[in-house]
Amino acid sequence: QVQLVESGGGLVQAGGSLRLSCVVSGSIISSSFMAWYRRAPGKERELVASITSGGSTNYADSVKGRSTISRDNAKNTVYLQVNSLKPEDTAVYYCYASVRSTLAGWAGYWGQGTQVTVSS
């Protein structure tokens, strides 16, 4: 009923920028908390940025000041813009959303992940 699909990942040189997109599809009534997570090689998954339905945002210290999370409720899409990319940003990035749907009510959903590789 509900699916999250990320796009925008790829190979980027250090100092470059990227914008990730996550489209939420299905029988969506509304969404609240939306976020981006990432898992770097050999590390646990960590929260990168989040945004509430009211527009409040939160960022990990590692990306604060060079990243922006935003959402377009009309398109059921959440974005993550990251500038001044570093090799340490290399990871699989995952989209997460708390969504109210017709069949399941409120539930959390994960995207399949998109690879971001930053070369030095």
C-alpha atoms as a PDB file:
ATOM      1  CA  GLN A   1       0.000   0.000   0.000  1.00  0.00           C
ATOM      2  CA  VAL A   2       2.808   2.416   0.875  1.00  0.00           C
ATOM      3  CA  GLN A   3       6.192   2.551  -0.818  1.00  0.00           C
ATOM      4  CA  LEU A   4       9.197   4.849  -0.508  1.00  0.00           C
ATOM      5  CA  VAL A   5      11.558   5.200  -3.459  1.00  0.00           C
ATOM      6  CA  GLU A   6      14.817   7.153  -3.229  1.00  0.00           C
ATOM      7  CA  SER A   7      16.738   8.670  -6.111  1.00  0.00           C
ATOM      8  CA  GLY A   8      19.650  11.015  -6.684  1.00  0.00           C
ATOM      9  CA  GLY A   9      22.520   8.955  -5.354  1.00  0.00           C
ATOM     10  CA  GLY A  10      25.698   8.281  -7.253  1.00  0.00           C
ATOM     11  CA  LEU A  11      29.389   9.071  -7.473  1.00  0.00           C
ATOM     12  CA  VAL A  12      30.357  12.619  -6.522  1.00  0.00           C
ATOM     13  CA  GLN A  13      33.733  14.280  -6.097  1.00  0.00           C
ATOM     14  CA  ALA A  14      34.680  15.764  -2.749  1.00  0.00           C
ATOM     15  CA  GLY A  15      33.443  19.327  -2.500  1.00  0.00           C
ATOM     16  CA  GLY A  16      30.511  18.663  -4.775  1.00  0.00           C
ATOM     17  CA  SER A  17      26.811  18.566  -4.023  1.00  0.00           C
ATOM     18  CA  LEU A  18      23.854  16.266  -4.413  1.00  0.00           C
ATOM     19  CA  ARG A  19      20.143  16.238  -3.823  1.00  0.00           C
ATOM     20  CA  LEU A  20      18.369  13.075  -2.812  1.00  0.00           C
ATOM     21  CA  SER A  21      14.657  12.633  -3.373  1.00  0.00           C
ATOM     22  CA  CYS A  22      12.229  10.249  -1.750  1.00  0.00           C
ATOM     23  CA  VAL A  23       8.744   9.778  -3.151  1.00  0.00           C
ATOM     24  CA  VAL A  24       6.095   8.228  -0.949  1.00  0.00           C
ATOM     25  CA  SER A  25       3.315   6.515  -2.875  1.00  0.00           C
ATOM     26  CA  GLY A  26       0.213   4.555  -1.978  1.00  0.00           C
ATOM     27  CA  SER A  27      -3.097   5.158  -0.262  1.00  0.00           C
ATOM     28  CA  ILE A  28      -1.736   8.004   1.816  1.00  0.00           C
ATOM     29  CA  ILE A  29      -3.979  10.022   4.074  1.00  0.00           C
ATOM     30  CA  SER A  30      -1.241  12.089   5.673  1.00  0.00           C
ATOM     31  CA  SER A  31       2.364  11.956   6.827  1.00  0.00           C
ATOM     32  CA  SER A  32       4.123  13.362   9.850  1.00  0.00           C
ATOM     33  CA  PHE A  33       7.750  12.653  10.701  1.00  0.00           C
ATOM     34  CA  MET A  34      10.070  12.169   7.715  1.00  0.00           C
ATOM     35  CA  ALA A  35      13.796  11.595   7.831  1.00  0.00           C
ATOM     36  CA  TRP A  36      16.989  10.571   6.099  1.00  0.00           C
ATOM     37  CA  TYR A  37      19.326   7.995   7.603  1.00  0.00           C
ATOM     38  CA  ARG A  38      22.607   6.600   6.351  1.00  0.00           C
ATOM     39  CA  ARG A  39      24.841   3.617   6.953  1.00  0.00           C
ATOM     40  CA  ALA A  40      28.527   3.992   6.205  1.00  0.00           C
ATOM     41  CA  PRO A  41      30.825   0.982   5.712  1.00  0.00           C
ATOM     42  CA  GLY A  42      31.528  -0.680   9.038  1.00  0.00           C
ATOM     43  CA  LYS A  43      29.191   1.604  10.965  1.00  0.00           C
ATOM     44  CA  GLU A  44      25.686   1.536  12.361  1.00  0.00           C
ATOM     45  CA  ARG A  45      22.841   3.369  10.700  1.00  0.00           C
ATOM     46  CA  GLU A  46      22.581   6.969  11.871  1.00  0.00           C
ATOM     47  CA  LEU A  47      20.082   9.784  11.556  1.00  0.00           C
ATOM     48  CA  VAL A  48      21.198  12.460   9.101  1.00  0.00           C
ATOM     49  CA  ALA A  49      18.235  14.839   9.123  1.00  0.00           C
ATOM     50  CA  SER A  50      14.552  14.896   9.962  1.00  0.00           C
ATOM     51  CA  ILE A  51      11.546  17.105   9.413  1.00  0.00           C
ATOM     52  CA  THR A  52       8.130  17.152  11.056  1.00  0.00           C
ATOM     53  CA  SER A  53       4.778  17.966   9.537  1.00  0.00           C
ATOM     54  CA  GLY A  54       5.110  21.402  11.105  1.00  0.00           C
ATOM     55  CA  GLY A  55       8.427  22.015   9.375  1.00  0.00           C
ATOM     56  CA  SER A  56      10.748  21.613  12.348  1.00  0.00           C
ATOM     57  CA  THR A  57      14.119  20.219  11.272  1.00  0.00           C
ATOM     58  CA  ASN A  58      16.983  18.455  12.971  1.00  0.00           C
ATOM     59  CA  TYR A  59      20.451  17.660  11.633  1.00  0.00           C
ATOM     60  CA  ALA A  60      23.342  15.485  12.646  1.00  0.00           C
ATOM     61  CA  ASP A  61      26.406  17.460  13.678  1.00  0.00           C
ATOM     62  CA  SER A  62      28.355  15.908  10.822  1.00  0.00           C
ATOM     63  CA  VAL A  63      26.154  17.572   8.181  1.00  0.00           C
ATOM     64  CA  LYS A  64      24.863  20.624  10.013  1.00  0.00           C
ATOM     65  CA  GLY A  65      25.536  23.823   8.116  1.00  0.00           C
ATOM     66  CA  ARG A  66      25.906  22.155   4.735  1.00  0.00           C
ATOM     67  CA  SER A  67      22.673  20.234   4.361  1.00  0.00           C
ATOM     68  CA  THR A  68      18.982  20.989   4.026  1.00  0.00           C
ATOM     69  CA  ILE A  69      16.005  18.705   4.433  1.00  0.00           C
ATOM     70  CA  SER A  70      12.706  19.783   2.927  1.00  0.00           C
ATOM     71  CA  ARG A  71       9.348  18.320   2.004  1.00  0.00           C
ATOM     72  CA  ASP A  72       6.654  18.860  -0.580  1.00  0.00           C
ATOM     73  CA  ASN A  73       3.427  17.550   0.879  1.00  0.00           C
ATOM     74  CA  ALA A  74       1.528  17.975  -2.382  1.00  0.00           C
ATOM     75  CA  LYS A  75       3.971  15.584  -4.052  1.00  0.00           C
ATOM     76  CA  ASN A  76       4.511  13.365  -0.998  1.00  0.00           C
ATOM     77  CA  THR A  77       8.228  13.894  -1.405  1.00  0.00           C
ATOM     78  CA  VAL A  78      11.095  14.624   0.962  1.00  0.00           C
ATOM     79  CA  TYR A  79      14.471  15.947  -0.177  1.00  0.00           C
ATOM     80  CA  LEU A  80      17.972  16.071   1.218  1.00  0.00           C
ATOM     81  CA  GLN A  81      20.435  18.580  -0.182  1.00  0.00           C
ATOM     82  CA  VAL A  82      24.050  18.131   0.884  1.00  0.00           C
ATOM     83  CA  ASN A  83      26.827  20.515  -0.127  1.00  0.00           C
ATOM     84  CA  SER A  84      30.587  20.368   0.358  1.00  0.00           C
ATOM     85  CA  LEU A  85      30.536  16.599   0.279  1.00  0.00           C
ATOM     86  CA  LYS A  86      33.295  14.727   2.056  1.00  0.00           C
ATOM     87  CA  PRO A  87      34.555  11.159   1.640  1.00  0.00           C
ATOM     88  CA  GLU A  88      33.085  10.503   5.095  1.00  0.00           C
ATOM     89  CA  ASP A  89      29.632  11.071   3.596  1.00  0.00           C
ATOM     90  CA  THR A  90      29.985   7.867   1.600  1.00  0.00           C
ATOM     91  CA  ALA A  91      27.136   5.618   2.685  1.00  0.00           C
ATOM     92  CA  VAL A  92      23.846   4.067   1.741  1.00  0.00           C
ATOM     93  CA  TYR A  93      21.153   6.652   2.397  1.00  0.00           C
ATOM     94  CA  TYR A  94      17.686   5.563   3.507  1.00  0.00           C
ATOM     95  CA  CYS A  95      14.427   7.452   3.551  1.00  0.00           C
ATOM     96  CA  TYR A  96      11.967   6.971   6.411  1.00  0.00           C
ATOM     97  CA  ALA A  97       8.440   8.246   6.859  1.00  0.00           C
ATOM     98  CA  SER A  98       5.624   7.920   9.357  1.00  0.00           C
ATOM     99  CA  VAL A  99       2.516   7.652   7.223  1.00  0.00           C
ATOM    100  CA  ARG A 100      -1.188   7.276   7.813  1.00  0.00           C
ATOM    101  CA  SER A 101      -2.724   5.069   5.149  1.00  0.00           C
ATOM    102  CA  THR A 102      -6.192   3.742   4.495  1.00  0.00           C
ATOM    103  CA  LEU A 103      -5.437   0.133   5.422  1.00  0.00           C
ATOM    104  CA  ALA A 104      -2.677   0.350   8.023  1.00  0.00           C
ATOM    105  CA  GLY A 105      -3.388   3.555   9.867  1.00  0.00           C
ATOM    106  CA  TRP A 106      -0.188   5.085  11.241  1.00  0.00           C
ATOM    107  CA  ALA A 107       2.977   3.132  10.466  1.00  0.00           C
ATOM    108  CA  GLY A 108       6.638   3.671   9.704  1.00  0.00           C
ATOM    109  CA  TYR A 109       8.122   2.839   6.302  1.00  0.00           C
ATOM    110  CA  TRP A 110      11.645   2.586   4.899  1.00  0.00           C
ATOM    111  CA  GLY A 111      12.975   3.065   1.411  1.00  0.00           C
ATOM    112  CA  GLN A 112      15.318   0.574  -0.223  1.00  0.00           C
ATOM    113  CA  GLY A 113      18.315   2.877   0.054  1.00  0.00           C
ATOM    114  CA  THR A 114      20.475   4.699  -2.472  1.00  0.00           C
ATOM    115  CA  GLN A 115      24.265   4.581  -2.623  1.00  0.00           C
ATOM    116  CA  VAL A 116      26.250   7.796  -2.314  1.00  0.00           C
ATOM    117  CA  THR A 117      29.976   7.586  -2.968  1.00  0.00           C
ATOM    118  CA  VAL A 118      32.227  10.605  -2.498  1.00  0.00           C
ATOM    119  CA  SER A 119      35.661  10.357  -4.063  1.00  0.00           C
ATOM    120  CA  SER A 120      38.691  12.204  -2.735  1.00  0.00           C
END
